[in-house]
Amino acid sequence: MSQLIFINLPVTDLPKSIAFYEAVGATRNPMFSDDTAACMVVSDVIHVMLLTHDKWRTFTDRQIPDAHVSAQMSLCFSCDSRAAVDEVVQKAGAAGGMMDPNPIQDHGFMYGRGYADPDGHIWEPMWMDPAAVSAGPEAFAADALVS
C-alpha cells in the first residue's frame, strides 16, 4: 500500500470549506466525514481533513493561529502543466479564495502560483518541466532559481 498523507486544517465554516475544496477539484469522502470534519480527497495519496475548531481542539491544546495574518506553512502540490496551475488558481479565486497571496514564481523550467482558502491556508500549485527534471541537478543551478 502506498503511504498516504492526511493534512489536517482547522476551519471556521465547515460547509463553506467543503464547497471551496470541491470547487478546486477535491472530492468528499463520506466515510471519514461528519458534522465536525470532512475528508477531502485531493489524489490517491493526498487527503485534506477539514476540522471545525471544536474538533481541532480535541487533538491539541495549542492556539489556532489566524492564517489570514500569520503563516506557519504553505502546501505545495504538482500540476501537469502551467495551464493547470493557472486553472486551479482561477477556480480557487472564483470559489472565494485569495489568488496569488505570494508572488508568482516563474523560472522557465518551473512555474508556481498560489491561493489561500477561506481560512487563509496557503496552497501552491506548481509545474516543473519534465525535460529539466530529467536533465539532473545541472538544470537546477543556484543562478537558475533567481528571479
Protein backbone atom coordinates (compact mmCIF):
# COMPACT_ATOMS: atom_id res chain seq x y z
CA MET A 1 0.00 0.00 0.00
CA SER A 2 1.27 3.48 -0.85
CA GLN A 3 1.96 5.82 2.01
CA LEU A 4 -0.88 8.32 2.43
CA ILE A 5 -0.75 11.88 3.71
CA PHE A 6 -3.59 13.46 5.66
CA ILE A 7 -3.30 17.23 6.05
CA ASN A 8 -5.38 18.44 8.99
CA LEU A 9 -6.67 22.02 8.75
CA PRO A 10 -8.82 23.94 11.24
CA VAL A 11 -11.73 25.70 9.52
CA THR A 12 -14.28 28.21 10.78
CA ASP A 13 -17.15 27.24 8.45
CA LEU A 14 -17.14 23.55 7.50
CA PRO A 15 -19.82 23.68 4.76
CA LYS A 16 -18.13 26.70 3.14
CA SER A 17 -14.74 24.95 3.27
CA ILE A 18 -16.18 21.75 1.77
CA ALA A 19 -17.66 23.77 -1.11
CA PHE A 20 -14.34 25.56 -1.66
CA TYR A 21 -12.28 22.37 -1.78
CA GLU A 22 -14.81 20.73 -4.11
CA ALA A 23 -14.57 23.78 -6.39
CA VAL A 24 -10.80 23.33 -6.73
CA GLY A 25 -11.17 19.63 -7.55
CA ALA A 26 -11.25 17.64 -4.31
CA THR A 27 -14.00 15.13 -3.57
CA ARG A 28 -15.53 14.50 -0.16
CA ASN A 29 -15.11 11.02 1.31
CA PRO A 30 -18.29 10.48 3.38
CA MET A 31 -16.73 7.52 5.20
CA PHE A 32 -14.44 9.92 7.09
CA SER A 33 -16.76 12.91 7.29
CA ASP A 34 -19.39 14.09 9.73
CA ASP A 35 -20.71 17.40 11.08
CA THR A 36 -17.31 18.18 12.70
CA ALA A 37 -14.91 17.08 9.96
CA ALA A 38 -14.68 16.38 6.25
CA CYS A 39 -12.15 14.24 4.45
CA MET A 40 -11.42 15.85 1.09
CA VAL A 41 -9.62 13.60 -1.38
CA VAL A 42 -7.11 15.52 -3.50
CA SER A 43 -5.42 12.48 -5.06
CA ASP A 44 -4.95 8.77 -4.42
CA VAL A 45 -2.47 9.58 -1.67
CA ILE A 46 -3.33 13.14 -0.52
CA HIS A 47 -6.29 13.87 1.73
CA VAL A 48 -7.22 17.11 3.48
CA MET A 49 -9.06 16.78 6.76
CA LEU A 50 -11.15 19.89 7.34
CA LEU A 51 -11.82 20.14 11.07
CA THR A 52 -14.10 22.52 12.93
CA HIS A 53 -12.29 24.44 15.65
CA ASP A 54 -14.03 22.35 18.32
CA LYS A 55 -12.89 19.15 16.63
CA TRP A 56 -9.35 20.55 16.18
CA ARG A 57 -9.15 21.25 19.92
CA THR A 58 -9.60 17.53 20.64
CA PHE A 59 -6.16 16.98 19.03
CA THR A 60 -4.14 19.75 20.68
CA ASP A 61 -4.17 22.44 23.35
CA ARG A 62 -2.22 24.81 21.10
CA GLN A 63 -3.87 28.01 19.92
CA ILE A 64 -5.28 28.02 16.41
CA PRO A 65 -3.49 30.84 14.58
CA ASP A 66 -5.31 33.14 12.20
CA ALA A 67 -3.85 32.04 8.86
CA HIS A 68 -5.02 35.34 7.33
CA VAL A 69 -2.34 37.20 9.33
CA SER A 70 0.30 34.57 10.10
CA ALA A 71 1.78 31.66 8.20
CA GLN A 72 3.35 28.52 9.58
CA MET A 73 3.44 26.57 6.33
CA SER A 74 2.38 26.51 2.73
CA LEU A 75 1.23 23.39 0.96
CA CYS A 76 2.74 22.79 -2.46
CA PHE A 77 1.47 20.26 -4.99
CA SER A 78 2.42 19.46 -8.56
CA CYS A 79 0.31 20.00 -11.67
CA ASP A 80 0.69 18.54 -15.16
CA SER A 81 1.18 21.89 -16.92
CA ARG A 82 1.50 25.64 -16.49
CA ALA A 83 -2.10 25.92 -17.72
CA ALA A 84 -3.23 23.52 -14.99
CA VAL A 85 -1.53 25.74 -12.37
CA ASP A 86 -3.39 28.78 -13.72
CA GLU A 87 -6.66 26.84 -13.89
CA VAL A 88 -6.66 25.73 -10.26
CA VAL A 89 -5.75 29.24 -9.06
CA GLN A 90 -8.62 30.67 -11.14
CA LYS A 91 -11.01 28.08 -9.67
CA ALA A 92 -9.86 28.99 -6.17
CA GLY A 93 -10.47 32.68 -6.84
CA ALA A 94 -13.92 32.00 -8.29
CA ALA A 95 -14.78 29.92 -5.21
CA GLY A 96 -13.93 32.74 -2.79
CA GLY A 97 -10.25 32.08 -2.18
CA MET A 98 -7.48 34.65 -2.48
CA MET A 99 -5.46 34.32 -5.67
CA ASP A 100 -1.69 34.78 -5.52
CA PRO A 101 -1.20 35.72 -1.85
CA ASN A 102 2.54 35.42 -2.61
CA PRO A 103 4.47 36.44 -5.74
CA ILE A 104 4.14 34.23 -8.82
CA GLN A 105 7.28 32.14 -9.36
CA ASP A 106 8.35 31.71 -12.99
CA HIS A 107 11.79 30.25 -13.54
CA GLY A 108 11.11 28.96 -17.05
CA PHE A 109 11.55 25.28 -16.18
CA MET A 110 9.47 25.73 -13.01
CA TYR A 111 6.26 27.73 -12.58
CA GLY A 112 4.22 28.24 -9.46
CA ARG A 113 1.36 30.33 -8.17
CA GLY A 114 -0.72 30.22 -5.03
CA TYR A 115 -4.08 30.65 -3.45
CA ALA A 116 -5.44 30.90 0.07
CA ASP A 117 -8.57 29.04 1.12
CA PRO A 118 -11.36 30.84 3.04
CA ASP A 119 -9.44 30.30 6.30
CA GLY A 120 -6.19 31.67 4.87
CA HIS A 121 -4.34 28.35 4.42
CA ILE A 122 -1.92 28.82 1.51
CA TRP A 123 -1.73 26.27 -1.30
CA GLU A 124 0.90 26.47 -4.03
CA PRO A 125 0.23 24.59 -7.26
CA MET A 126 3.41 24.24 -9.31
CA TRP A 127 4.66 22.74 -12.56
CA MET A 128 8.17 21.59 -13.45
CA ASP A 129 9.34 20.90 -16.99
CA PRO A 130 9.91 17.12 -17.18
CA ALA A 131 12.88 17.66 -19.52
CA ALA A 132 14.59 19.88 -16.94
CA VAL A 133 13.91 17.34 -14.20
CA SER A 134 15.40 14.53 -16.27
CA ALA A 135 18.47 16.71 -17.04
CA GLY A 136 19.55 16.34 -13.43
CA PRO A 137 20.99 18.76 -10.88
CA GLU A 138 22.69 20.96 -13.52
CA ALA A 139 19.23 22.20 -14.55
CA PHE A 140 18.69 23.49 -11.04
CA ALA A 141 21.86 25.56 -10.59
CA ALA A 142 21.52 28.27 -7.95
CA ASP A 143 21.56 31.07 -10.54
CA ALA A 144 18.74 29.36 -12.47
CA LEU A 145 16.44 29.76 -9.45
CA VAL A 146 16.95 33.50 -9.08
CA SER A 147 14.04 35.52 -10.43
